[in-house]
Amino acid sequence: MLNLKNKVVFKGDRTLWYVVIGLMLASLIVVYSSTGSLAFRVRGGNTSYYLIKQLFLMFGCMVVILTLQSFHYKYFLSFAKIVLGMSLIFLLWAKFAGTTLNDAGRWVTIPGIGFTFQPSEMAKLGIIMYCARAIAFEQTEECCSNNVLWRMTLVVPVLFLIFMENFSTSALLGGVCLVMLFVGRLYWKTYAKLIGVIVGLMILMLAVVFIVPEKHLKSAGRLLTVKSRIEHFVNPSETDSDDSYQSDQAKIAVAKGGLMGLGPGNSVQRNFLPHPYSDFIFAIIVEEYGLVGAGIVMLLYLIILYRVGVIVRRCTRMFPAILVTGLGLCIVFQALINMGVCVGLFPVTGQPLPLVSMGGTSLLFTSASFGMILSVSHTFSEEGEREEKEKLKMVAQSINEEEENEEN
C-alpha cells in the first residue's frame, strides 16, 4: 500500500505531494458535480461516466509523476531540445492538419490509436526546459551572458505558432520566460531593452487588431477572438457574444456562492455555463463551497509557489533552479488566470485550472511538471542529507582525535 512516509515511492518535497493529492481529490469531487448536465445530454444520464473517466486520468497522472520523479534532472537537460523540437512538429501538424475541437483547430489526433491531445501543452514543457538549459549554459560569475537571447530564438517559432491559435497560452509562456531570465540574472540593461521591445510589439498588435478591418483579420489566427474578448472586458454592457454570456454566468455562480456556498452538487450555473468542468470550474467551486472552499483551493496553489521557492533555494546548480522556477510559475500563473477569469478580473482565456479541470492533455503535462519539480527536490534533499552526514562524520572524527590527543 502506498504511503507518503515511504520515500521509495513518494520522493521529493512531502508538502508538495500533499498538495498534489489534495488537488486531485478536489478535481474528482468538482468534476463529478459539474458534469451532471453534460452526462444527461451526452451519456443518457450516466453521471458516473465522467467520474470514472477522471479517476482513471488521475491514476495516469500519478503514474506520470511517480515515473518522472525517479529520473535525475540531468535527463531533463539532455532532452530539452528534443521536447522543444517535437513540440514544433506537433504544432505545425495541428496548424495544417489538426482536429477542430471547441471551435479551435489546435488538436492533434495520432493515427491508429485515435489519441487526441493539445500540442500547446507539450510546448509549455519544451519551452521551459529549453529556456532553463539556455540560461544555465550562459552563466558567468557575475550574470547571465546576453548570448542567452540568441539561444532562446529557437523558442520564437514555437511561441508564434501557439500565438496564432491560443493567445493566452503564448502570453502565459512569454511571461514565465521573462521571469526565468530575471531569476537567471540576465544583465539588467538587456532585460530592460527586452521588456521595451515586448511592450512595443504588444502595442503594435493591439493597434493592428483594432485598426485593421475585421475582414482582413479572419486569416490571422484567433486575433478576432482576442479583439472580441478585450472589447467585452472593457465594455461588457456594449457587447453581446458567447464570451459575454460565459463571463456573466460565471459571475452569477460566484455571487450565489457567498461565504459557505450552496453545498456539494447543488450548483445551478453548471446548467448554463458552456464548460463548467474545465474553463469555469473555479466558478462551480465558489458556487458550491463558497469563499471558504475557494480560499482553500487558492491556498493550495500558493503553497505550491512557496514550496517551489524552498526547492529553488536548495538547488546548488542553475539549470534545476531555473527549471523548477519556470514549471512552478507556469502552474501557479495558469491557476490565477483561471480564477481571475471566473471572477471577472481577466478577459475570457480558456485556461484550465491545473490538476483540477477535466481534460486529459492538461492533466498529463501538468503532472509531468510536478514530476520534474519533485525530481529536483528529491535530488537536492538527498545531496543535503549526504552533506549533513559528512559534516557529522567530520565533527565526530575531530572529537575522537581530540580525545585521543588528550589521553596521549
Protein backbone atom coordinates (compact mmCIF):
# COMPACT_ATOMS: atom_id res chain seq x y z
CA MET A 1 0.00 0.00 0.00
CA LEU A 2 1.32 3.44 -0.94
CA ASN A 3 2.24 5.68 1.94
CA LEU A 4 3.56 9.23 1.90
CA LYS A 5 6.11 8.20 4.51
CA ASN A 6 7.52 5.63 2.12
CA LYS A 7 10.31 7.63 0.49
CA VAL A 8 10.97 4.84 -2.00
CA VAL A 9 7.64 5.58 -3.69
CA PHE A 10 6.93 9.22 -2.88
CA LYS A 11 10.17 11.14 -3.33
CA GLY A 12 10.89 14.83 -3.03
CA ASP A 13 9.01 17.53 -1.17
CA ARG A 14 6.41 15.85 1.04
CA THR A 15 4.29 19.01 1.40
CA LEU A 16 4.10 19.29 -2.38
CA TRP A 17 2.85 15.71 -2.51
CA TYR A 18 0.05 16.55 -0.06
CA VAL A 19 -0.97 19.50 -2.25
CA VAL A 20 -0.98 17.36 -5.41
CA ILE A 21 -3.19 14.73 -3.78
CA GLY A 22 -5.46 17.44 -2.38
CA LEU A 23 -5.95 18.98 -5.83
CA MET A 24 -6.67 15.55 -7.31
CA LEU A 25 -9.35 14.85 -4.71
CA ALA A 26 -10.88 18.27 -5.33
CA SER A 27 -10.89 17.50 -9.05
CA LEU A 28 -12.82 14.25 -8.58
CA ILE A 29 -15.46 15.92 -6.41
CA VAL A 30 -15.99 19.03 -8.53
CA VAL A 31 -15.83 17.27 -11.91
CA TYR A 32 -18.47 14.79 -10.75
CA SER A 33 -20.74 17.68 -9.76
CA SER A 34 -20.11 19.93 -12.77
CA THR A 35 -20.64 17.20 -15.40
CA GLY A 36 -24.19 16.35 -14.34
CA SER A 37 -25.86 18.24 -17.19
CA LEU A 38 -23.27 17.02 -19.68
CA ALA A 39 -23.95 13.43 -18.64
CA PHE A 40 -27.67 13.80 -19.32
CA ARG A 41 -27.05 15.44 -22.71
CA VAL A 42 -24.34 13.09 -23.96
CA ARG A 43 -24.36 9.90 -21.84
CA GLY A 44 -28.06 9.32 -21.30
CA GLY A 45 -27.95 10.31 -17.65
CA ASN A 46 -24.93 8.17 -16.71
CA THR A 47 -23.47 10.62 -14.20
CA SER A 48 -20.78 8.16 -13.10
CA TYR A 49 -19.15 8.08 -16.54
CA TYR A 50 -17.12 11.27 -16.15
CA LEU A 51 -16.25 10.48 -12.54
CA ILE A 52 -14.80 7.12 -13.55
CA LYS A 53 -13.02 8.72 -16.50
CA GLN A 54 -11.50 11.37 -14.26
CA LEU A 55 -10.50 8.67 -11.75
CA PHE A 56 -8.59 6.82 -14.47
CA LEU A 57 -6.98 10.08 -15.56
CA MET A 58 -5.86 10.75 -12.00
CA PHE A 59 -4.35 7.28 -11.84
CA GLY A 60 -2.46 8.07 -15.04
CA CYS A 61 -1.31 11.37 -13.52
CA MET A 62 0.09 9.53 -10.51
CA VAL A 63 1.98 7.16 -12.82
CA VAL A 64 3.48 10.12 -14.71
CA ILE A 65 4.53 11.91 -11.52
CA LEU A 66 5.99 8.79 -9.90
CA THR A 67 7.89 7.95 -13.07
CA LEU A 68 9.41 11.37 -13.70
CA GLN A 69 10.32 11.98 -10.07
CA SER A 70 12.56 8.89 -10.28
CA PHE A 71 14.71 10.40 -13.05
CA HIS A 72 17.68 12.61 -12.28
CA TYR A 73 17.21 16.18 -13.51
CA LYS A 74 20.23 15.79 -15.84
CA TYR A 75 17.99 13.79 -18.18
CA PHE A 76 15.64 16.77 -18.47
CA LEU A 77 18.65 18.85 -19.52
CA SER A 78 19.57 16.29 -22.18
CA PHE A 79 16.06 16.01 -23.63
CA ALA A 80 15.17 19.73 -23.61
CA LYS A 81 15.96 20.22 -27.30
CA ILE A 82 14.13 17.04 -28.28
CA VAL A 83 10.94 18.04 -26.43
CA LEU A 84 11.07 21.52 -27.98
CA GLY A 85 11.58 20.04 -31.45
CA MET A 86 8.70 17.59 -31.01
CA SER A 87 6.50 20.48 -29.85
CA LEU A 88 7.30 22.41 -33.03
CA ILE A 89 6.46 19.40 -35.20
CA PHE A 90 3.14 18.76 -33.46
CA LEU A 91 2.20 22.45 -33.56
CA LEU A 92 2.83 22.51 -37.33
CA TRP A 93 0.77 19.34 -37.61
CA ALA A 94 -2.06 20.94 -35.66
CA LYS A 95 -1.84 24.10 -37.77
CA PHE A 96 -2.12 22.41 -41.16
CA ALA A 97 -3.83 19.07 -40.41
CA GLY A 98 -5.18 19.42 -36.89
CA THR A 99 -8.51 18.30 -35.49
CA THR A 100 -11.01 21.06 -34.75
CA LEU A 101 -12.37 20.91 -31.20
CA ASN A 102 -14.20 23.68 -29.32
CA ASP A 103 -14.07 25.90 -32.43
CA ALA A 104 -10.26 25.86 -32.47
CA GLY A 105 -8.07 23.77 -34.75
CA ARG A 106 -5.24 23.18 -32.34
CA TRP A 107 -5.52 19.47 -31.58
CA VAL A 108 -3.59 16.53 -33.00
CA THR A 109 -5.03 13.04 -33.43
CA ILE A 110 -2.48 10.21 -33.51
CA PRO A 111 -3.42 7.84 -36.38
CA GLY A 112 -4.22 4.26 -35.47
CA ILE A 113 -4.91 4.76 -31.76
CA GLY A 114 -7.20 7.80 -32.05
CA PHE A 115 -5.45 9.59 -29.16
CA THR A 116 -6.11 13.35 -29.34
CA PHE A 117 -4.01 15.89 -27.49
CA GLN A 118 -3.23 19.59 -27.47
CA PRO A 119 0.37 20.23 -28.64
CA SER A 120 0.50 23.61 -26.90
CA GLU A 121 0.55 21.73 -23.57
CA MET A 122 3.66 19.83 -24.66
CA ALA A 123 5.14 23.12 -25.85
CA LYS A 124 4.87 24.50 -22.30
CA LEU A 125 7.28 21.83 -21.09
CA GLY A 126 9.54 22.14 -24.14
CA ILE A 127 9.88 25.93 -23.90
CA ILE A 128 10.52 25.96 -20.15
CA MET A 129 13.03 23.08 -20.33
CA TYR A 130 14.92 24.65 -23.23
CA CYS A 131 14.96 28.16 -21.69
CA ALA A 132 16.30 26.75 -18.42
CA ARG A 133 19.00 24.95 -20.40
CA ALA A 134 19.92 28.11 -22.34
CA ILE A 135 20.09 30.25 -19.19
CA ALA A 136 22.23 27.66 -17.38
CA PHE A 137 24.70 27.37 -20.28
CA GLU A 138 25.24 31.14 -20.49
CA GLN A 139 26.01 31.75 -16.83
CA THR A 140 29.12 33.71 -15.87
CA GLU A 141 30.45 34.63 -12.46
CA GLU A 142 28.62 37.96 -12.48
CA CYS A 143 25.45 37.43 -14.51
CA CYS A 144 23.86 35.67 -17.46
CA SER A 145 25.51 36.45 -20.79
CA ASN A 146 23.49 38.30 -23.43
CA ASN A 147 24.13 35.34 -25.73
CA VAL A 148 21.23 33.62 -23.99
CA LEU A 149 18.84 35.66 -26.12
CA TRP A 150 20.38 34.19 -29.28
CA ARG A 151 19.98 30.71 -27.85
CA MET A 152 16.36 31.43 -27.00
CA THR A 153 15.49 32.49 -30.54
CA LEU A 154 14.70 28.80 -31.14
CA VAL A 155 11.70 29.32 -28.87
CA VAL A 156 10.24 32.12 -31.03
CA PRO A 157 8.75 29.89 -33.80
CA VAL A 158 7.06 27.70 -31.19
CA LEU A 159 5.61 30.71 -29.38
CA PHE A 160 4.44 32.19 -32.66
CA LEU A 161 2.57 29.01 -33.63
CA ILE A 162 0.91 28.95 -30.21
CA PHE A 163 0.06 32.64 -30.53
CA MET A 164 -1.73 32.04 -33.83
CA GLU A 165 -4.15 29.62 -32.17
CA ASN A 166 -4.03 30.38 -28.43
CA PHE A 167 -3.06 33.92 -27.44
CA SER A 168 -3.49 33.37 -23.69
CA THR A 169 -1.10 30.39 -23.61
CA SER A 170 1.55 32.26 -25.61
CA ALA A 171 1.23 35.26 -23.27
CA LEU A 172 1.48 32.97 -20.24
CA LEU A 173 4.64 31.29 -21.55
CA GLY A 174 6.17 34.60 -22.57
CA GLY A 175 5.64 35.98 -19.08
CA VAL A 176 7.14 32.86 -17.47
CA CYS A 177 10.21 33.07 -19.74
CA LEU A 178 10.72 36.71 -18.72
CA VAL A 179 10.65 35.77 -15.04
CA MET A 180 13.10 32.92 -15.72
CA LEU A 181 15.50 35.38 -17.37
CA PHE A 182 15.17 37.70 -14.37
CA VAL A 183 15.88 34.89 -11.91
CA GLY A 184 18.70 33.70 -14.19
CA ARG A 185 20.47 37.07 -13.68
CA LEU A 186 20.23 38.50 -17.20
CA TYR A 187 22.10 41.81 -17.34
CA TRP A 188 19.56 44.44 -16.23
CA LYS A 189 20.09 46.81 -19.19
CA THR A 190 19.50 43.97 -21.64
CA TYR A 191 16.46 42.91 -19.62
CA ALA A 192 15.02 46.44 -19.74
CA LYS A 193 15.53 46.61 -23.52
CA LEU A 194 13.83 43.24 -23.92
CA ILE A 195 10.83 44.41 -21.91
CA GLY A 196 10.65 47.54 -24.06
CA VAL A 197 10.66 45.50 -27.28
CA ILE A 198 7.90 43.22 -25.98
CA VAL A 199 5.75 46.15 -24.87
CA GLY A 200 6.22 47.75 -28.27
CA LEU A 201 5.16 44.55 -30.04
CA MET A 202 2.08 44.27 -27.82
CA ILE A 203 1.07 47.85 -28.62
CA LEU A 204 1.59 47.16 -32.33
CA MET A 205 -0.55 44.02 -32.13
CA LEU A 206 -3.37 45.87 -30.38
CA ALA A 207 -3.19 48.62 -32.99
CA VAL A 208 -3.50 46.04 -35.76
CA VAL A 209 -6.40 44.31 -34.03
CA PHE A 210 -8.44 47.47 -33.53
CA ILE A 211 -7.48 49.44 -36.66
CA VAL A 212 -7.39 46.81 -39.41
CA PRO A 213 -10.88 45.87 -40.70
CA GLU A 214 -12.21 42.57 -39.39
CA LYS A 215 -12.44 41.02 -42.85
CA HIS A 216 -8.63 41.20 -43.07
CA LEU A 217 -8.18 39.57 -39.65
CA LYS A 218 -10.10 36.39 -40.43
CA SER A 219 -6.99 34.71 -41.80
CA ALA A 220 -4.78 35.86 -38.89
CA GLY A 221 -5.39 33.07 -36.43
CA ARG A 222 -7.60 33.98 -33.48
CA LEU A 223 -6.98 37.74 -33.49
CA LEU A 224 -10.69 38.32 -33.95
CA THR A 225 -11.35 36.28 -30.82
CA VAL A 226 -8.75 38.30 -28.92
CA LYS A 227 -10.39 41.50 -30.11
CA SER A 228 -13.91 40.45 -29.05
CA ARG A 229 -12.73 39.32 -25.62
CA ILE A 230 -10.88 42.57 -24.98
CA GLU A 231 -13.91 44.59 -26.12
CA HIS A 232 -16.20 42.64 -23.80
CA PHE A 233 -13.80 43.04 -20.88
CA VAL A 234 -13.51 46.81 -21.40
CA ASN A 235 -17.18 47.46 -22.25
CA PRO A 236 -19.21 44.44 -21.07
CA SER A 237 -22.55 46.25 -21.43
CA GLU A 238 -21.94 47.11 -25.10
CA THR A 239 -21.12 43.61 -26.34
CA ASP A 240 -23.28 40.56 -26.94
CA SER A 241 -21.20 37.45 -27.54
CA ASP A 242 -20.54 33.95 -26.28
CA ASP A 243 -17.68 35.28 -24.14
CA SER A 244 -20.07 37.81 -22.57
CA TYR A 245 -22.55 35.06 -21.80
CA GLN A 246 -19.91 32.80 -20.25
CA SER A 247 -18.46 35.58 -18.13
CA ASP A 248 -21.90 36.67 -16.90
CA GLN A 249 -22.88 33.12 -15.93
CA ALA A 250 -19.60 32.67 -14.06
CA LYS A 251 -20.19 35.89 -12.12
CA ILE A 252 -23.68 34.69 -11.21
CA ALA A 253 -22.18 31.44 -9.89
CA VAL A 254 -19.67 33.36 -7.79
CA ALA A 255 -22.40 35.67 -6.44
CA LYS A 256 -24.59 32.71 -5.43
CA GLY A 257 -21.76 31.03 -3.56
CA GLY A 258 -21.48 33.55 -0.77
CA LEU A 259 -19.39 32.56 2.23
CA MET A 260 -20.21 28.86 2.61
CA GLY A 261 -21.70 28.00 -0.79
CA LEU A 262 -24.82 26.08 -1.81
CA GLY A 263 -23.33 22.73 -0.89
CA PRO A 264 -21.80 19.84 -2.89
CA GLY A 265 -23.78 19.01 -6.03
CA ASN A 266 -26.17 21.97 -5.67
CA SER A 267 -24.73 24.17 -8.39
CA VAL A 268 -27.32 25.80 -10.64
CA GLN A 269 -24.99 27.55 -13.09
CA ARG A 270 -23.47 24.28 -14.25
CA ASN A 271 -26.63 24.00 -16.34
CA PHE A 272 -25.88 27.30 -18.10
CA LEU A 273 -22.09 27.57 -18.33
CA PRO A 274 -20.76 26.03 -21.58
CA HIS A 275 -17.67 24.49 -19.92
CA PRO A 276 -18.28 24.33 -16.14
CA TYR A 277 -15.97 21.30 -15.81
CA SER A 278 -12.89 22.92 -17.41
CA ASP A 279 -12.55 26.65 -18.16
CA PHE A 280 -15.03 27.77 -15.48
CA ILE A 281 -14.62 25.03 -12.89
CA PHE A 282 -13.48 27.55 -10.27
CA ALA A 283 -16.86 29.30 -10.57
CA ILE A 284 -18.54 25.99 -9.67
CA ILE A 285 -16.18 25.62 -6.69
CA VAL A 286 -17.18 29.07 -5.43
CA GLU A 287 -20.89 28.40 -6.02
CA GLU A 288 -20.92 25.07 -4.17
CA TYR A 289 -18.30 25.67 -1.47
CA GLY A 290 -18.31 29.45 -1.13
CA LEU A 291 -15.40 31.69 -0.33
CA VAL A 292 -14.16 29.14 2.20
CA GLY A 293 -13.78 26.37 -0.38
CA ALA A 294 -12.36 28.77 -2.97
CA GLY A 295 -9.90 30.07 -0.38
CA ILE A 296 -8.67 26.54 0.34
CA VAL A 297 -8.07 25.90 -3.37
CA MET A 298 -6.22 29.22 -3.70
CA LEU A 299 -4.16 28.34 -0.64
CA LEU A 300 -3.06 25.05 -2.25
CA TYR A 301 -1.66 26.92 -5.25
CA LEU A 302 0.06 29.45 -3.00
CA ILE A 303 1.65 26.56 -1.12
CA ILE A 304 2.95 25.28 -4.46
CA LEU A 305 4.52 28.69 -5.08
CA TYR A 306 6.09 28.70 -1.61
CA ARG A 307 7.44 25.15 -1.86
CA VAL A 308 8.87 25.92 -5.30
CA GLY A 309 10.77 28.79 -3.69
CA VAL A 310 12.08 26.44 -0.99
CA ILE A 311 13.24 23.90 -3.58
CA VAL A 312 14.95 26.61 -5.65
CA ARG A 313 16.87 27.83 -2.59
CA ARG A 314 18.13 24.30 -2.00
CA CYS A 315 19.45 23.97 -5.55
CA THR A 316 23.21 24.38 -5.94
CA ARG A 317 23.12 24.39 -9.77
CA MET A 318 21.49 26.83 -12.15
CA PHE A 319 19.59 24.51 -14.51
CA PRO A 320 17.42 22.75 -11.90
CA ALA A 321 16.76 26.04 -10.10
CA ILE A 322 15.55 27.77 -13.29
CA LEU A 323 13.62 24.68 -14.40
CA VAL A 324 11.68 24.49 -11.13
CA THR A 325 11.07 28.24 -11.24
CA GLY A 326 9.59 28.05 -14.73
CA LEU A 327 7.45 24.97 -14.14
CA GLY A 328 6.14 26.19 -10.78
CA LEU A 329 5.30 29.68 -12.05
CA CYS A 330 3.56 28.26 -15.12
CA ILE A 331 1.26 26.16 -12.91
CA VAL A 332 0.52 28.95 -10.43
CA PHE A 333 0.07 31.70 -13.05
CA GLN A 334 -2.31 29.49 -15.03
CA ALA A 335 -4.33 28.83 -11.88
CA LEU A 336 -4.51 32.55 -11.08
CA ILE A 337 -5.63 33.33 -14.64
CA ASN A 338 -8.40 30.72 -14.46
CA MET A 339 -9.59 32.10 -11.13
CA GLY A 340 -9.34 35.69 -12.35
CA VAL A 341 -11.48 34.93 -15.41
CA CYS A 342 -14.18 33.32 -13.28
CA VAL A 343 -14.49 36.36 -11.00
CA GLY A 344 -14.20 38.90 -13.83
CA LEU A 345 -10.65 40.16 -13.24
CA PHE A 346 -9.39 39.00 -16.65
CA PRO A 347 -10.91 38.52 -20.10
CA VAL A 348 -12.08 35.02 -21.01
CA THR A 349 -8.99 32.97 -21.92
CA GLY A 350 -9.87 29.26 -21.90
CA GLN A 351 -7.08 28.31 -19.47
CA PRO A 352 -7.99 25.24 -17.35
CA LEU A 353 -7.39 25.05 -13.61
CA PRO A 354 -4.21 22.93 -13.28
CA LEU A 355 -4.79 19.41 -11.96
CA VAL A 356 -8.47 20.19 -11.24
CA SER A 357 -10.22 20.84 -14.56
CA MET A 358 -11.38 17.89 -16.63
CA GLY A 359 -9.17 17.16 -19.64
CA GLY A 360 -6.52 14.56 -20.34
CA THR A 361 -3.87 16.69 -22.08
CA SER A 362 -3.68 19.41 -19.45
CA LEU A 363 -3.64 16.87 -16.62
CA LEU A 364 -0.91 14.81 -18.30
CA PHE A 365 1.54 17.65 -18.85
CA THR A 366 0.77 19.34 -15.53
CA SER A 367 1.61 16.02 -13.88
CA ALA A 368 4.85 15.91 -15.87
CA SER A 369 5.69 19.36 -14.48
CA PHE A 370 5.09 18.19 -10.91
CA GLY A 371 7.19 15.08 -11.58
CA MET A 372 10.14 17.19 -12.72
CA ILE A 373 9.83 19.53 -9.73
CA LEU A 374 9.75 16.57 -7.33
CA SER A 375 12.76 15.05 -9.11
CA VAL A 376 14.82 18.18 -8.45
CA SER A 377 13.54 18.33 -4.88
CA HIS A 378 14.48 14.71 -4.27
CA THR A 379 17.94 15.11 -5.79
CA PHE A 380 18.95 18.08 -3.68
CA SER A 381 17.32 16.83 -0.49
CA GLU A 382 19.42 13.65 -0.86
CA GLU A 383 22.54 15.72 -1.53
CA GLY A 384 21.74 17.83 1.53
CA GLU A 385 21.34 14.74 3.69
CA ARG A 386 24.65 13.34 2.42
CA GLU A 387 26.44 16.63 3.09
CA GLU A 388 24.94 16.76 6.59
CA LYS A 389 26.06 13.19 7.30
CA GLU A 390 29.57 14.00 6.04
CA LYS A 391 29.71 17.05 8.30
CA LEU A 392 28.61 14.97 11.29
CA LYS A 393 31.26 12.36 10.48
CA MET A 394 33.93 15.05 10.27
CA VAL A 395 32.79 16.51 13.61
CA ALA A 396 32.82 13.05 15.20
CA GLN A 397 36.30 12.34 13.81
CA SER A 398 37.64 15.63 15.12
CA ILE A 399 36.18 14.93 18.58
CA ASN A 400 37.75 11.46 18.60
CA GLU A 401 41.10 12.88 17.57
CA GLU A 402 40.94 15.48 20.34
CA GLU A 403 40.11 12.78 22.91
CA GLU A 404 42.98 10.63 21.69
CA ASN A 405 45.39 13.57 21.91
CA GLU A 406 44.23 14.34 25.48
CA GLU A 407 44.78 10.71 26.50
CA ASN A 408 48.28 10.74 25.00
